[in-house]
């Protein structure tokens, strides 16, 4: 899987996280290719979180995140988020839906977002959470809250 020039957002503890995946259709069966593709993507992303690979994480942020916060602010935010315990296990993948990426009193609706339920290990704690992913050019992207948004013009 090529990870360059793909923007994706992943959740961080105490940060509202969501990601969207644009698809014509998907299935949520246990053996589905979609679920497998999502798991592979999250494995790569989780490895980047564990090792502190900020470049990979920034490269996969959704463009809506960069537009809202700026690349440098997201880079600075992610640089402080290394977690050697980080793991996600995909429990289910739903059908594409509209997803509202809402942070800091701003929002944008993303069409064809893929809802994903994961069992997460983060900072040594375990629990379930829901995210959304977006597929762009056959790659996933994700959403996060990188702090204070850029000044609106």
Protein backbone atom coordinates (compact mmCIF):
# COMPACT_ATOMS: atom_id res chain seq x y z
CA UNK A 1 0.00 0.00 0.00
CA UNK A 2 1.46 3.35 -1.02
CA UNK A 3 1.26 5.82 1.82
CA UNK A 4 2.47 8.95 0.09
CA UNK A 5 0.25 11.91 -0.66
CA UNK A 6 -2.66 10.42 1.24
CA UNK A 7 -4.29 12.36 4.01
CA UNK A 8 -5.86 10.47 6.92
CA UNK A 9 -6.98 11.19 10.48
CA UNK A 10 -6.88 8.83 13.39
CA UNK A 11 -8.14 9.24 16.90
CA UNK A 12 -6.00 10.34 19.78
CA UNK A 13 -7.07 9.95 23.37
CA UNK A 14 -9.07 13.00 24.53
CA UNK A 15 -9.29 14.14 20.92
CA UNK A 16 -12.40 13.88 18.82
CA UNK A 17 -11.36 11.64 15.97
CA UNK A 18 -13.10 10.57 12.89
CA UNK A 19 -12.26 9.52 9.39
CA UNK A 20 -14.26 9.05 6.24
CA UNK A 21 -13.95 6.53 3.40
CA UNK A 22 -15.48 7.27 0.02
CA UNK A 23 -16.80 4.08 -1.53
CA UNK A 24 -19.48 3.12 -3.97
CA UNK A 25 -20.39 0.19 -1.75
CA UNK A 26 -18.96 -1.86 1.04
CA UNK A 27 -19.81 -4.85 3.12
CA UNK A 28 -19.40 -5.48 6.81
CA UNK A 29 -18.94 -9.23 6.86
CA UNK A 30 -16.22 -10.71 9.04
CA UNK A 31 -14.22 -11.90 6.04
CA UNK A 32 -14.88 -8.90 3.81
CA UNK A 33 -12.09 -7.33 1.78
CA UNK A 34 -13.17 -3.93 3.10
CA UNK A 35 -12.62 -4.98 6.69
CA UNK A 36 -9.25 -6.47 5.77
CA UNK A 37 -8.21 -3.30 3.92
CA UNK A 38 -9.23 -1.13 6.88
CA UNK A 39 -7.32 -3.36 9.30
CA UNK A 40 -4.18 -3.21 7.11
CA UNK A 41 -4.41 0.57 7.02
CA UNK A 42 -4.88 0.86 10.77
CA UNK A 43 -1.95 -1.51 11.33
CA UNK A 44 0.29 0.86 9.36
CA UNK A 45 -1.10 3.90 11.14
CA UNK A 46 -0.76 2.27 14.57
CA UNK A 47 2.86 1.35 13.81
CA UNK A 48 3.49 5.02 12.99
CA UNK A 49 1.93 6.05 16.33
CA UNK A 50 4.04 3.50 18.22
CA UNK A 51 7.31 4.60 16.59
CA UNK A 52 6.58 8.32 16.45
CA UNK A 53 6.53 8.48 12.63
CA UNK A 54 4.94 11.90 12.31
CA UNK A 55 5.63 12.18 8.56
CA UNK A 56 3.51 9.12 7.75
CA UNK A 57 0.71 10.28 10.04
CA UNK A 58 0.62 13.78 8.54
CA UNK A 59 0.75 12.36 5.02
CA UNK A 60 -2.50 10.50 5.71
CA UNK A 61 -4.50 13.32 7.25
CA UNK A 62 -7.61 14.18 5.32
CA UNK A 63 -7.39 17.48 3.46
CA UNK A 64 -10.24 18.86 5.58
CA UNK A 65 -7.97 18.55 8.64
CA UNK A 66 -5.12 20.39 6.93
CA UNK A 67 -7.52 23.07 5.72
CA UNK A 68 -8.82 23.60 9.25
CA UNK A 69 -5.55 23.48 11.23
CA UNK A 70 -2.67 23.81 8.82
CA UNK A 71 -0.03 21.16 8.23
CA UNK A 72 2.53 22.57 10.66
CA UNK A 73 0.09 22.70 13.58
CA UNK A 74 -0.96 19.09 12.93
CA UNK A 75 2.68 18.04 12.62
CA UNK A 76 3.48 19.69 15.96
CA UNK A 77 0.42 18.09 17.60
CA UNK A 78 1.18 14.60 16.31
CA UNK A 79 4.85 14.84 17.29
CA UNK A 80 3.71 14.80 20.92
CA UNK A 81 1.40 11.81 20.53
CA UNK A 82 3.75 8.79 20.38
CA UNK A 83 2.19 5.76 22.12
CA UNK A 84 4.10 2.46 22.27
CA UNK A 85 0.90 0.60 23.26
CA UNK A 86 -1.26 1.74 20.31
CA UNK A 87 -3.25 -1.00 18.56
CA UNK A 88 -6.62 -1.07 16.80
CA UNK A 89 -8.62 -4.20 15.97
CA UNK A 90 -11.46 -3.69 13.50
CA UNK A 91 -14.71 -5.09 14.87
CA UNK A 92 -17.03 -3.99 12.05
CA UNK A 93 -17.21 -1.86 8.94
CA UNK A 94 -20.53 -0.29 7.99
CA UNK A 95 -21.99 1.01 4.77
CA UNK A 96 -20.93 4.43 3.48
CA UNK A 97 -22.78 7.37 5.01
CA UNK A 98 -22.55 11.12 5.40
CA UNK A 99 -20.20 12.05 8.22
CA UNK A 100 -19.97 15.43 9.93
CA UNK A 101 -16.35 16.25 10.76
CA UNK A 102 -16.98 18.71 13.59
CA UNK A 103 -14.31 20.29 15.77
CA UNK A 104 -13.75 23.71 17.30
CA UNK A 105 -17.19 25.08 16.36
CA UNK A 106 -16.59 24.23 12.69
CA UNK A 107 -17.98 21.40 10.63
CA UNK A 108 -18.01 19.96 7.16
CA UNK A 109 -20.09 17.06 5.90
CA UNK A 110 -18.12 14.34 4.17
CA UNK A 111 -20.10 12.17 1.77
CA UNK A 112 -19.57 8.42 1.56
CA UNK A 113 -17.75 8.09 4.87
CA UNK A 114 -17.12 4.55 6.01
CA UNK A 115 -18.05 3.99 9.67
CA UNK A 116 -15.67 1.65 11.47
CA UNK A 117 -15.95 0.25 14.98
CA UNK A 118 -12.59 -0.68 16.51
CA UNK A 119 -11.32 -2.13 19.75
CA UNK A 120 -8.50 0.23 20.66
CA UNK A 121 -5.52 0.02 22.95
CA UNK A 122 -4.27 3.55 23.62
CA UNK A 123 -1.88 4.60 26.38
CA UNK A 124 -2.34 1.14 27.88
CA UNK A 125 -6.14 1.46 28.11
CA UNK A 126 -8.56 -0.64 26.08
CA UNK A 127 -12.01 0.17 24.78
CA UNK A 128 -14.25 0.38 21.77
CA UNK A 129 -14.58 3.48 19.63
CA UNK A 130 -16.12 4.52 16.35
CA UNK A 131 -14.17 6.21 13.57
CA UNK A 132 -14.81 7.10 9.96
CA UNK A 133 -12.37 6.66 7.07
CA UNK A 134 -12.34 8.12 3.57
CA UNK A 135 -10.88 6.34 0.58
CA UNK A 136 -9.07 8.64 -1.83
CA UNK A 137 -7.44 7.13 -4.91
CA UNK A 138 -7.71 3.68 -3.33
CA UNK A 139 -6.08 4.88 -0.08
CA UNK A 140 -7.61 5.74 3.29
CA UNK A 141 -7.49 9.11 5.01
CA UNK A 142 -8.43 10.06 8.57
CA UNK A 143 -9.49 13.02 10.72
CA UNK A 144 -8.28 14.46 14.02
CA UNK A 145 -8.50 17.63 16.08
CA UNK A 146 -5.05 19.27 15.94
CA UNK A 147 -5.79 22.01 18.47
CA UNK A 148 -6.85 25.56 17.61
CA UNK A 149 -8.06 26.06 14.03
CA UNK A 150 -6.51 28.57 11.67
CA UNK A 151 -8.13 32.00 11.67
CA UNK A 152 -11.09 32.08 9.29
CA UNK A 153 -10.84 34.64 6.52
